[in-house]
Amino acid sequence: GEAVVPVAKCHLQEYNSNPKEQLPFKEFLEYWREYIGNGHRSSRGCLYLKDWHLRRSGLLPKAPESGTAFPEQDVYTTPVYFSSDWLNEYWDAVAADDFRFVYMGPKG
């Protein structure tokens, strides 16, 4: 809940992109529940959690060979269609970056 996540302001546009703000994950979830409860409307506009590097955030340990981050909790498993993840295989080997992102938010 206290992890800070990047949130896009989908109702705004800057240079062909949506500006982002950093919010605690818990606050984003509260916004989302409120947004749904208000008939998919909010005075804050439409916010969408976008491009969160969950693994890079330090909240997940390095993924074992199985592709499962938390085997005891089953938090993340690489989908079979993406099991040949050649891009992340390289970045994992050099320990520089990753291309695993979390996207979530309300419809609209």
PDB file of N, CA and C in Angstrom:
ATOM      1  N   GLY A   1       0.767  -1.189   0.000  1.00  0.00           N
ATOM      2  CA  GLY A   1       0.000   0.000   0.000  1.00  0.00           C
ATOM      3  C   GLY A   1       0.818   1.268   0.000  1.00  0.00           C
ATOM      4  N   GLU A   2       2.037   1.268   0.567  1.00  0.00           N
ATOM      5  CA  GLU A   2       2.817   2.502   0.664  1.00  0.00           C
ATOM      6  C   GLU A   2       3.758   2.709  -0.522  1.00  0.00           C
ATOM      7  N   ALA A   3       3.844   1.756  -1.424  1.00  0.00           N
ATOM      8  CA  ALA A   3       4.699   1.920  -2.602  1.00  0.00           C
ATOM      9  C   ALA A   3       4.229   3.127  -3.406  1.00  0.00           C
ATOM     10  N   VAL A   4       5.171   3.896  -3.917  1.00  0.00           N
ATOM     11  CA  VAL A   4       4.845   5.062  -4.740  1.00  0.00           C
ATOM     12  C   VAL A   4       4.814   4.609  -6.193  1.00  0.00           C
ATOM     13  N   VAL A   5       3.717   4.937  -6.895  1.00  0.00           N
ATOM     14  CA  VAL A   5       3.506   4.455  -8.260  1.00  0.00           C
ATOM     15  C   VAL A   5       3.263   5.621  -9.218  1.00  0.00           C
ATOM     16  N   PRO A   6       3.633   5.451 -10.504  1.00  0.00           N
ATOM     17  CA  PRO A   6       3.364   6.487 -11.500  1.00  0.00           C
ATOM     18  C   PRO A   6       1.916   6.407 -11.978  1.00  0.00           C
ATOM     19  N   VAL A   7       1.222   7.535 -11.931  1.00  0.00           N
ATOM     20  CA  VAL A   7      -0.185   7.575 -12.312  1.00  0.00           C
ATOM     21  C   VAL A   7      -0.378   8.628 -13.397  1.00  0.00           C
ATOM     22  N   ALA A   8      -0.921   8.186 -14.541  1.00  0.00           N
ATOM     23  CA  ALA A   8      -1.171   9.093 -15.662  1.00  0.00           C
ATOM     24  C   ALA A   8      -2.509   9.791 -15.481  1.00  0.00           C
ATOM     25  N   LYS A   9      -2.520  11.069 -15.815  1.00  0.00           N
ATOM     26  CA  LYS A   9      -3.753  11.855 -15.801  1.00  0.00           C
ATOM     27  C   LYS A   9      -4.330  11.797 -17.211  1.00  0.00           C
ATOM     28  N   CYS A  10      -5.203  10.819 -17.442  1.00  0.00           N
ATOM     29  CA  CYS A  10      -5.692  10.518 -18.790  1.00  0.00           C
ATOM     30  C   CYS A  10      -6.551  11.629 -19.385  1.00  0.00           C
ATOM     31  N   HIS A  11      -7.077  12.496 -18.555  1.00  0.00           N
ATOM     32  CA  HIS A  11      -7.938  13.584 -19.025  1.00  0.00           C
ATOM     33  C   HIS A  11      -7.117  14.794 -19.482  1.00  0.00           C
ATOM     34  N   LEU A  12      -5.795  14.753 -19.310  1.00  0.00           N
ATOM     35  CA  LEU A  12      -4.923  15.850 -19.728  1.00  0.00           C
ATOM     36  C   LEU A  12      -3.948  15.375 -20.794  1.00  0.00           C
ATOM     37  N   GLN A  13      -3.498  16.299 -21.614  1.00  0.00           N
ATOM     38  CA  GLN A  13      -2.551  15.973 -22.673  1.00  0.00           C
ATOM     39  C   GLN A  13      -1.440  17.014 -22.692  1.00  0.00           C
ATOM     40  N   GLU A  14      -0.191  16.541 -22.672  1.00  0.00           N
ATOM     41  CA  GLU A  14       0.985  17.400 -22.789  1.00  0.00           C
ATOM     42  C   GLU A  14       1.940  16.757 -23.782  1.00  0.00           C
ATOM     43  N   TYR A  15       2.246  17.464 -24.848  1.00  0.00           N
ATOM     44  CA  TYR A  15       3.194  16.966 -25.838  1.00  0.00           C
ATOM     45  C   TYR A  15       2.848  15.545 -26.296  1.00  0.00           C
ATOM     46  N   ASN A  16       1.613  15.319 -26.688  1.00  0.00           N
ATOM     47  CA  ASN A  16       1.131  14.016 -27.166  1.00  0.00           C
ATOM     48  C   ASN A  16       1.260  12.897 -26.130  1.00  0.00           C
ATOM     49  N   SER A  17       1.223  13.253 -24.864  1.00  0.00           N
ATOM     50  CA  SER A  17       1.315  12.267 -23.800  1.00  0.00           C
ATOM     51  C   SER A  17       0.470  12.738 -22.624  1.00  0.00           C
ATOM     52  N   ASN A  18       0.237  11.835 -21.696  1.00  0.00           N
ATOM     53  CA  ASN A  18      -0.491  12.193 -20.482  1.00  0.00           C
ATOM     54  C   ASN A  18       0.516  12.492 -19.379  1.00  0.00           C
ATOM     55  N   PRO A  19       0.391  13.652 -18.713  1.00  0.00           N
ATOM     56  CA  PRO A  19       1.309  13.924 -17.609  1.00  0.00           C
ATOM     57  C   PRO A  19       1.071  12.922 -16.476  1.00  0.00           C
ATOM     58  N   LYS A  20       2.118  12.683 -15.703  1.00  0.00           N
ATOM     59  CA  LYS A  20       2.025  11.720 -14.605  1.00  0.00           C
ATOM     60  C   LYS A  20       2.302  12.407 -13.278  1.00  0.00           C
ATOM     61  N   GLU A  21       1.774  11.800 -12.239  1.00  0.00           N
ATOM     62  CA  GLU A  21       2.094  12.190 -10.880  1.00  0.00           C
ATOM     63  C   GLU A  21       2.456  10.921 -10.122  1.00  0.00           C
ATOM     64  N   GLN A  22       3.136  11.065  -9.023  1.00  0.00           N
ATOM     65  CA  GLN A  22       3.506   9.940  -8.177  1.00  0.00           C
ATOM     66  C   GLN A  22       2.538   9.894  -6.998  1.00  0.00           C
ATOM     67  N   LEU A  23       1.913   8.745  -6.796  1.00  0.00           N
ATOM     68  CA  LEU A  23       0.969   8.575  -5.686  1.00  0.00           C
ATOM     69  C   LEU A  23       1.302   7.306  -4.918  1.00  0.00           C
ATOM     70  N   PRO A  24       1.024   7.282  -3.624  1.00  0.00           N
ATOM     71  CA  PRO A  24       1.099   5.999  -2.921  1.00  0.00           C
ATOM     72  C   PRO A  24       0.061   5.041  -3.520  1.00  0.00           C
ATOM     73  N   PHE A  25       0.435   3.784  -3.683  1.00  0.00           N
ATOM     74  CA  PHE A  25      -0.458   2.791  -4.278  1.00  0.00           C
ATOM     75  C   PHE A  25      -1.791   2.756  -3.549  1.00  0.00           C
ATOM     76  N   LYS A  26      -1.755   2.852  -2.241  1.00  0.00           N
ATOM     77  CA  LYS A  26      -2.970   2.839  -1.430  1.00  0.00           C
ATOM     78  C   LYS A  26      -3.910   3.987  -1.835  1.00  0.00           C
ATOM     79  N   GLU A  27      -3.356   5.163  -2.068  1.00  0.00           N
ATOM     80  CA  GLU A  27      -4.169   6.317  -2.475  1.00  0.00           C
ATOM     81  C   GLU A  27      -4.781   6.104  -3.865  1.00  0.00           C
ATOM     82  N   PHE A  28      -4.000   5.478  -4.770  1.00  0.00           N
ATOM     83  CA  PHE A  28      -4.544   5.189  -6.099  1.00  0.00           C
ATOM     84  C   PHE A  28      -5.727   4.226  -5.990  1.00  0.00           C
ATOM     85  N   LEU A  29      -5.611   3.195  -5.158  1.00  0.00           N
ATOM     86  CA  LEU A  29      -6.719   2.242  -4.987  1.00  0.00           C
ATOM     87  C   LEU A  29      -7.952   2.921  -4.403  1.00  0.00           C
ATOM     88  N   GLU A  30      -7.745   3.831  -3.453  1.00  0.00           N
ATOM     89  CA  GLU A  30      -8.868   4.580  -2.887  1.00  0.00           C
ATOM     90  C   GLU A  30      -9.550   5.422  -3.974  1.00  0.00           C
ATOM     91  N   TYR A  31      -8.742   6.091  -4.796  1.00  0.00           N
ATOM     92  CA  TYR A  31      -9.287   6.873  -5.917  1.00  0.00           C
ATOM     93  C   TYR A  31     -10.127   5.979  -6.822  1.00  0.00           C
ATOM     94  N   TRP A  32      -9.590   4.816  -7.177  1.00  0.00           N
ATOM     95  CA  TRP A  32     -10.247   3.908  -8.115  1.00  0.00           C
ATOM     96  C   TRP A  32     -11.612   3.464  -7.567  1.00  0.00           C
ATOM     97  N   ARG A  33     -11.655   3.078  -6.292  1.00  0.00           N
ATOM     98  CA  ARG A  33     -12.922   2.677  -5.674  1.00  0.00           C
ATOM     99  C   ARG A  33     -13.929   3.829  -5.704  1.00  0.00           C
ATOM    100  N   GLU A  34     -13.466   5.021  -5.374  1.00  0.00           N
ATOM    101  CA  GLU A  34     -14.323   6.207  -5.389  1.00  0.00           C
ATOM    102  C   GLU A  34     -14.820   6.502  -6.807  1.00  0.00           C
ATOM    103  N   TYR A  35     -13.937   6.383  -7.783  1.00  0.00           N
ATOM    104  CA  TYR A  35     -14.269   6.632  -9.193  1.00  0.00           C
ATOM    105  C   TYR A  35     -15.399   5.698  -9.633  1.00  0.00           C
ATOM    106  N   ILE A  36     -15.274   4.428  -9.315  1.00  0.00           N
ATOM    107  CA  ILE A  36     -16.309   3.449  -9.676  1.00  0.00           C
ATOM    108  C   ILE A  36     -17.608   3.766  -8.933  1.00  0.00           C
ATOM    109  N   GLY A  37     -17.486   4.068  -7.644  1.00  0.00           N
ATOM    110  CA  GLY A  37     -18.662   4.359  -6.831  1.00  0.00           C
ATOM    111  C   GLY A  37     -19.422   5.603  -7.268  1.00  0.00           C
ATOM    112  N   ASN A  38     -18.731   6.527  -7.926  1.00  0.00           N
ATOM    113  CA  ASN A  38     -19.362   7.763  -8.415  1.00  0.00           C
ATOM    114  C   ASN A  38     -19.770   7.661  -9.883  1.00  0.00           C
ATOM    115  N   GLY A  39     -20.024   6.458 -10.360  1.00  0.00           N
ATOM    116  CA  GLY A  39     -20.468   6.288 -11.745  1.00  0.00           C
ATOM    117  C   GLY A  39     -19.386   6.594 -12.767  1.00  0.00           C
ATOM    118  N   HIS A  40     -18.157   6.238 -12.444  1.00  0.00           N
ATOM    119  CA  HIS A  40     -16.994   6.459 -13.309  1.00  0.00           C
ATOM    120  C   HIS A  40     -16.754   7.943 -13.580  1.00  0.00           C
ATOM    121  N   ARG A  41     -16.832   8.720 -12.472  1.00  0.00           N
ATOM    122  CA  ARG A  41     -16.542  10.154 -12.526  1.00  0.00           C
ATOM    123  C   ARG A  41     -15.748  10.525 -11.282  1.00  0.00           C
ATOM    124  N   SER A  42     -14.914  11.554 -11.422  1.00  0.00           N
ATOM    125  CA  SER A  42     -14.157  12.056 -10.287  1.00  0.00           C
ATOM    126  C   SER A  42     -13.736  13.485 -10.564  1.00  0.00           C
ATOM    127  N   SER A  43     -13.661  14.296  -9.530  1.00  0.00           N
ATOM    128  CA  SER A  43     -13.162  15.664  -9.683  1.00  0.00           C
ATOM    129  C   SER A  43     -11.682  15.657 -10.055  1.00  0.00           C
ATOM    130  N   ARG A  44     -11.019  14.522  -9.835  1.00  0.00           N
ATOM    131  CA  ARG A  44      -9.597  14.386 -10.199  1.00  0.00           C
ATOM    132  C   ARG A  44      -9.421  13.939 -11.649  1.00  0.00           C
ATOM    133  N   GLY A  45     -10.521  13.689 -12.355  1.00  0.00           N
ATOM    134  CA  GLY A  45     -10.430  13.195 -13.732  1.00  0.00           C
ATOM    135  C   GLY A  45     -10.182  11.697 -13.743  1.00  0.00           C
ATOM    136  N   CYS A  46      -9.755  11.189 -14.874  1.00  0.00           N
ATOM    137  CA  CYS A  46      -9.475   9.758 -15.018  1.00  0.00           C
ATOM    138  C   CYS A  46      -7.986   9.525 -14.819  1.00  0.00           C
ATOM    139  N   LEU A  47      -7.649   8.772 -13.776  1.00  0.00           N
ATOM    140  CA  LEU A  47      -6.259   8.430 -13.474  1.00  0.00           C
ATOM    141  C   LEU A  47      -6.030   6.958 -13.804  1.00  0.00           C
ATOM    142  N   TYR A  48      -4.814   6.649 -14.274  1.00  0.00           N
ATOM    143  CA  TYR A  48      -4.489   5.285 -14.667  1.00  0.00           C
ATOM    144  C   TYR A  48      -3.063   4.979 -14.233  1.00  0.00           C
ATOM    145  N   LEU A  49      -2.883   3.911 -13.463  1.00  0.00           N
ATOM    146  CA  LEU A  49      -1.546   3.494 -13.071  1.00  0.00           C
ATOM    147  C   LEU A  49      -0.858   2.947 -14.314  1.00  0.00           C
ATOM    148  N   LYS A  50       0.262   3.551 -14.679  1.00  0.00           N
ATOM    149  CA  LYS A  50       0.894   3.230 -15.967  1.00  0.00           C
ATOM    150  C   LYS A  50       2.415   3.195 -15.825  1.00  0.00           C
ATOM    151  N   ASP A  51       3.013   2.154 -16.359  1.00  0.00           N
ATOM    152  CA  ASP A  51       4.479   2.010 -16.422  1.00  0.00           C
ATOM    153  C   ASP A  51       5.140   1.832 -15.062  1.00  0.00           C
ATOM    154  N   TRP A  52       4.461   1.163 -14.139  1.00  0.00           N
ATOM    155  CA  TRP A  52       5.063   0.889 -12.837  1.00  0.00           C
ATOM    156  C   TRP A  52       6.019  -0.283 -12.989  1.00  0.00           C
ATOM    157  N   HIS A  53       7.291  -0.067 -12.689  1.00  0.00           N
ATOM    158  CA  HIS A  53       8.290  -1.133 -12.689  1.00  0.00           C
ATOM    159  C   HIS A  53       8.212  -1.838 -11.343  1.00  0.00           C
ATOM    160  N   LEU A  54       7.300  -2.760 -11.201  1.00  0.00           N
ATOM    161  CA  LEU A  54       7.100  -3.458  -9.930  1.00  0.00           C
ATOM    162  C   LEU A  54       8.377  -4.138  -9.464  1.00  0.00           C
ATOM    163  N   ARG A  55       9.061  -4.783 -10.365  1.00  0.00           N
ATOM    164  CA  ARG A  55      10.280  -5.495  -9.977  1.00  0.00           C
ATOM    165  C   ARG A  55      11.386  -4.521  -9.592  1.00  0.00           C
ATOM    166  N   ARG A  56      11.546  -3.445 -10.365  1.00  0.00           N
ATOM    167  CA  ARG A  56      12.590  -2.471 -10.088  1.00  0.00           C
ATOM    168  C   ARG A  56      12.307  -1.693  -8.801  1.00  0.00           C
ATOM    169  N   SER A  57      11.050  -1.628  -8.399  1.00  0.00           N
ATOM    170  CA  SER A  57      10.675  -0.875  -7.202  1.00  0.00           C
ATOM    171  C   SER A  57      11.240  -1.474  -5.927  1.00  0.00           C
ATOM    172  N   GLY A  58      11.788  -2.686  -6.017  1.00  0.00           N
ATOM    173  CA  GLY A  58      12.328  -3.338  -4.839  1.00  0.00           C
ATOM    174  C   GLY A  58      11.286  -4.130  -4.061  1.00  0.00           C
ATOM    175  N   LEU A  59      10.049  -4.164  -4.559  1.00  0.00           N
ATOM    176  CA  LEU A  59       8.994  -4.895  -3.868  1.00  0.00           C
ATOM    177  C   LEU A  59       8.983  -6.370  -4.227  1.00  0.00           C
ATOM    178  N   LEU A  60       9.644  -6.725  -5.318  1.00  0.00           N
ATOM    179  CA  LEU A  60       9.726  -8.126  -5.715  1.00  0.00           C
ATOM    180  C   LEU A  60      11.181  -8.574  -5.681  1.00  0.00           C
ATOM    181  N   PRO A  61      11.450  -9.764  -5.200  1.00  0.00           N
ATOM    182  CA  PRO A  61      12.819 -10.276  -5.280  1.00  0.00           C
ATOM    183  C   PRO A  61      13.133 -10.649  -6.718  1.00  0.00           C
ATOM    184  N   LYS A  62      14.391 -10.878  -7.002  1.00  0.00           N
ATOM    185  CA  LYS A  62      14.757 -11.320  -8.353  1.00  0.00           C
ATOM    186  C   LYS A  62      13.995 -12.602  -8.668  1.00  0.00           C
ATOM    187  N   ALA A  63      13.433 -12.646  -9.862  1.00  0.00           N
ATOM    188  CA  ALA A  63      12.624 -13.797 -10.260  1.00  0.00           C
ATOM    189  C   ALA A  63      13.505 -15.019 -10.461  1.00  0.00           C
ATOM    190  N   PRO A  64      13.130 -16.153  -9.888  1.00  0.00           N
ATOM    191  CA  PRO A  64      13.878 -17.382 -10.133  1.00  0.00           C
ATOM    192  C   PRO A  64      13.656 -17.875 -11.556  1.00  0.00           C
ATOM    193  N   GLU A  65      14.368 -18.908 -11.920  1.00  0.00           N
ATOM    194  CA  GLU A  65      14.296 -19.445 -13.285  1.00  0.00           C
ATOM    195  C   GLU A  65      12.876 -19.786 -13.720  1.00  0.00           C
ATOM    196  N   SER A  66      12.011 -20.106 -12.781  1.00  0.00           N
ATOM    197  CA  SER A  66      10.645 -20.488 -13.135  1.00  0.00           C
ATOM    198  C   SER A  66       9.833 -19.310 -13.643  1.00  0.00           C
ATOM    199  N   GLY A  67      10.317 -18.074 -13.441  1.00  0.00           N
ATOM    200  CA  GLY A  67       9.555 -16.904 -13.850  1.00  0.00           C
ATOM    201  C   GLY A  67       8.557 -16.450 -12.810  1.00  0.00           C
ATOM    202  N   THR A  68       8.550 -17.108 -11.658  1.00  0.00           N
ATOM    203  CA  THR A  68       7.614 -16.761 -10.598  1.00  0.00           C
ATOM    204  C   THR A  68       8.324 -15.897  -9.565  1.00  0.00           C
ATOM    205  N   ALA A  69       7.791 -14.704  -9.286  1.00  0.00           N
ATOM    206  CA  ALA A  69       8.449 -13.787  -8.367  1.00  0.00           C
ATOM    207  C   ALA A  69       8.307 -14.221  -6.913  1.00  0.00           C
ATOM    208  N   PHE A  70       7.114 -14.559  -6.476  1.00  0.00           N
ATOM    209  CA  PHE A  70       6.855 -15.009  -5.116  1.00  0.00           C
ATOM    210  C   PHE A  70       6.199 -16.382  -5.207  1.00  0.00           C
ATOM    211  N   PRO A  71       6.973 -17.456  -5.332  1.00  0.00           N
ATOM    212  CA  PRO A  71       6.356 -18.771  -5.522  1.00  0.00           C
ATOM    213  C   PRO A  71       5.396 -19.149  -4.405  1.00  0.00           C
ATOM    214  N   GLU A  72       5.679 -18.714  -3.176  1.00  0.00           N
ATOM    215  CA  GLU A  72       4.799 -19.068  -2.067  1.00  0.00           C
ATOM    216  C   GLU A  72       3.500 -18.272  -2.078  1.00  0.00           C
ATOM    217  N   GLN A  73       3.466 -17.129  -2.756  1.00  0.00           N
ATOM    218  CA  GLN A  73       2.271 -16.292  -2.796  1.00  0.00           C
ATOM    219  C   GLN A  73       1.662 -16.183  -4.192  1.00  0.00           C
ATOM    220  N   ASP A  74       2.344 -16.676  -5.196  1.00  0.00           N
ATOM    221  CA  ASP A  74       1.856 -16.665  -6.575  1.00  0.00           C
ATOM    222  C   ASP A  74       1.453 -15.255  -7.023  1.00  0.00           C
ATOM    223  N   VAL A  75       2.328 -14.265  -6.745  1.00  0.00           N
ATOM    224  CA  VAL A  75       2.059 -12.879  -7.106  1.00  0.00           C
ATOM    225  C   VAL A  75       2.190 -12.662  -8.607  1.00  0.00           C
ATOM    226  N   TYR A  76       3.203 -13.268  -9.210  1.00  0.00           N
ATOM    227  CA  TYR A  76       3.413 -13.052 -10.642  1.00  0.00           C
ATOM    228  C   TYR A  76       4.014 -14.295 -11.272  1.00  0.00           C
ATOM    229  N   THR A  77       3.449 -14.690 -12.389  1.00  0.00           N
ATOM    230  CA  THR A  77       3.984 -15.757 -13.212  1.00  0.00           C
ATOM    231  C   THR A  77       3.973 -15.267 -14.651  1.00  0.00           C
ATOM    232  N   THR A  78       5.084 -15.438 -15.337  1.00  0.00           N
ATOM    233  CA  THR A  78       5.146 -15.023 -16.733  1.00  0.00           C
ATOM    234  C   THR A  78       4.157 -15.851 -17.549  1.00  0.00           C
ATOM    235  N   PRO A  79       3.261 -15.189 -18.281  1.00  0.00           N
ATOM    236  CA  PRO A  79       2.315 -15.934 -19.124  1.00  0.00           C
ATOM    237  C   PRO A  79       3.059 -16.802 -20.137  1.00  0.00           C
ATOM    238  N   VAL A  80       2.518 -17.969 -20.414  1.00  0.00           N
ATOM    239  CA  VAL A  80       3.181 -18.935 -21.299  1.00  0.00           C
ATOM    240  C   VAL A  80       3.528 -18.322 -22.660  1.00  0.00           C
ATOM    241  N   TYR A  81       2.682 -17.432 -23.170  1.00  0.00           N
ATOM    242  CA  TYR A  81       2.933 -16.832 -24.479  1.00  0.00           C
ATOM    243  C   TYR A  81       4.133 -15.892 -24.476  1.00  0.00           C
ATOM    244  N   PHE A  82       4.557 -15.471 -23.282  1.00  0.00           N
ATOM    245  CA  PHE A  82       5.698 -14.571 -23.159  1.00  0.00           C
ATOM    246  C   PHE A  82       6.873 -15.237 -22.459  1.00  0.00           C
ATOM    247  N   SER A  83       6.852 -16.560 -22.358  1.00  0.00           N
ATOM    248  CA  SER A  83       7.882 -17.265 -21.606  1.00  0.00           C
ATOM    249  C   SER A  83       9.267 -17.114 -22.230  1.00  0.00           C
ATOM    250  N   SER A  84       9.341 -16.862 -23.515  1.00  0.00           N
ATOM    251  CA  SER A  84      10.618 -16.582 -24.163  1.00  0.00           C
ATOM    252  C   SER A  84      10.820 -15.073 -24.138  1.00  0.00           C
ATOM    253  N   ASP A  85      11.233 -14.572 -23.001  1.00  0.00           N
ATOM    254  CA  ASP A  85      11.345 -13.133 -22.768  1.00  0.00           C
ATOM    255  C   ASP A  85      12.784 -12.697 -23.028  1.00  0.00           C
ATOM    256  N   TRP A  86      13.188 -12.690 -24.301  1.00  0.00           N
ATOM    257  CA  TRP A  86      14.574 -12.424 -24.651  1.00  0.00           C
ATOM    258  C   TRP A  86      15.023 -11.025 -24.249  1.00  0.00           C
ATOM    259  N   LEU A  87      14.140 -10.053 -24.250  1.00  0.00           N
ATOM    260  CA  LEU A  87      14.534  -8.701 -23.870  1.00  0.00           C
ATOM    261  C   LEU A  87      14.913  -8.644 -22.386  1.00  0.00           C
ATOM    262  N   ASN A  88      14.055  -9.203 -21.523  1.00  0.00           N
ATOM    263  CA  ASN A  88      14.364  -9.178 -20.100  1.00  0.00           C
ATOM    264  C   ASN A  88      15.465 -10.160 -19.727  1.00  0.00           C
ATOM    265  N   GLU A  89      15.646 -11.217 -20.497  1.00  0.00           N
ATOM    266  CA  GLU A  89      16.762 -12.122 -20.226  1.00  0.00           C
ATOM    267  C   GLU A  89      18.077 -11.356 -20.305  1.00  0.00           C
ATOM    268  N   TYR A  90      18.199 -10.472 -21.294  1.00  0.00           N
ATOM    269  CA  TYR A  90      19.407  -9.662 -21.428  1.00  0.00           C
ATOM    270  C   TYR A  90      19.539  -8.693 -20.254  1.00  0.00           C
ATOM    271  N   TRP A  91      18.484  -7.920 -19.979  1.00  0.00           N
ATOM    272  CA  TRP A  91      18.559  -6.906 -18.928  1.00  0.00           C
ATOM    273  C   TRP A  91      18.733  -7.528 -17.551  1.00  0.00           C
ATOM    274  N   ASP A  92      18.171  -8.710 -17.323  1.00  0.00           N
ATOM    275  CA  ASP A  92      18.401  -9.399 -16.056  1.00  0.00           C
ATOM    276  C   ASP A  92      19.876  -9.782 -15.922  1.00  0.00           C
ATOM    277  N   ALA A  93      20.488 -10.205 -17.023  1.00  0.00           N
ATOM    278  CA  ALA A  93      21.888 -10.632 -17.004  1.00  0.00           C
ATOM    279  C   ALA A  93      22.829  -9.474 -16.693  1.00  0.00           C
ATOM    280  N   VAL A  94      22.540  -8.290 -17.199  1.00  0.00           N
ATOM    281  CA  VAL A  94      23.419  -7.140 -16.939  1.00  0.00           C
ATOM    282  C   VAL A  94      22.963  -6.335 -15.731  1.00  0.00           C
ATOM    283  N   ALA A  95      21.838  -6.725 -15.116  1.00  0.00           N
ATOM    284  CA  ALA A  95      21.298  -6.095 -13.899  1.00  0.00           C
ATOM    285  C   ALA A  95      21.183  -4.585 -14.031  1.00  0.00           C
ATOM    286  N   ALA A  96      20.687  -4.124 -15.196  1.00  0.00           N
ATOM    287  CA  ALA A  96      20.596  -2.685 -15.422  1.00  0.00           C
ATOM    288  C   ALA A  96      19.164  -2.163 -15.429  1.00  0.00           C
ATOM    289  N   ASP A  97      18.230  -2.915 -15.947  1.00  0.00           N
ATOM    290  CA  ASP A  97      16.865  -2.421 -16.102  1.00  0.00           C
ATOM    291  C   ASP A  97      15.945  -3.613 -16.324  1.00  0.00           C
ATOM    292  N   ASP A  98      14.689  -3.334 -16.549  1.00  0.00           N
ATOM    293  CA  ASP A  98      13.762  -4.385 -16.926  1.00  0.00           C
ATOM    294  C   ASP A  98      12.633  -3.763 -17.732  1.00  0.00           C
ATOM    295  N   PHE A  99      11.910  -4.601 -18.421  1.00  0.00           N
ATOM    296  CA  PHE A  99      10.769  -4.150 -19.205  1.00  0.00           C
ATOM    297  C   PHE A  99       9.522  -4.906 -18.774  1.00  0.00           C
ATOM    298  N   ARG A 100       9.313  -4.941 -17.471  1.00  0.00           N
ATOM    299  CA  ARG A 100       8.112  -5.527 -16.876  1.00  0.00           C
ATOM    300  C   ARG A 100       7.350  -4.377 -16.227  1.00  0.00           C
ATOM    301  N   PHE A 101       6.164  -4.125 -16.712  1.00  0.00           N
ATOM    302  CA  PHE A 101       5.394  -2.991 -16.233  1.00  0.00           C
ATOM    303  C   PHE A 101       4.034  -3.440 -15.733  1.00  0.00           C
ATOM    304  N   VAL A 102       3.471  -2.657 -14.812  1.00  0.00           N
ATOM    305  CA  VAL A 102       2.113  -2.882 -14.330  1.00  0.00           C
ATOM    306  C   VAL A 102       1.259  -1.744 -14.852  1.00  0.00           C
ATOM    307  N   TYR A 103       0.096  -2.098 -15.401  1.00  0.00           N
ATOM    308  CA  TYR A 103      -0.901  -1.138 -15.873  1.00  0.00           C
ATOM    309  C   TYR A 103      -2.222  -1.497 -15.208  1.00  0.00           C
ATOM    310  N   MET A 104      -2.900  -0.526 -14.622  1.00  0.00           N
ATOM    311  CA  MET A 104      -4.212  -0.799 -14.047  1.00  0.00           C
ATOM    312  C   MET A 104      -4.975   0.493 -13.845  1.00  0.00           C
ATOM    313  N   GLY A 105      -6.269   0.386 -13.955  1.00  0.00           N
ATOM    314  CA  GLY A 105      -7.103   1.556 -13.720  1.00  0.00           C
ATOM    315  C   GLY A 105      -8.523   1.320 -14.180  1.00  0.00           C
ATOM    316  N   PRO A 106      -9.347   2.333 -14.010  1.00  0.00           N
ATOM    317  CA  PRO A 106     -10.759   2.202 -14.364  1.00  0.00           C
ATOM    318  C   PRO A 106     -10.993   2.277 -15.866  1.00  0.00           C
ATOM    319  N   LYS A 107     -12.161   1.808 -16.279  1.00  0.00           N
ATOM    320  CA  LYS A 107     -12.490   1.937 -17.696  1.00  0.00           C
ATOM    321  C   LYS A 107     -12.726   3.407 -18.014  1.00  0.00           C
ATOM    322  N   GLY A 108     -12.574   3.736 -19.272  1.00  0.00           N
ATOM    323  CA  GLY A 108     -12.818   5.129 -19.683  1.00  0.00           C
ATOM    324  C   GLY A 108     -11.551   5.817 -19.948  1.00  0.00           C
TER     325      GLY A 108
END
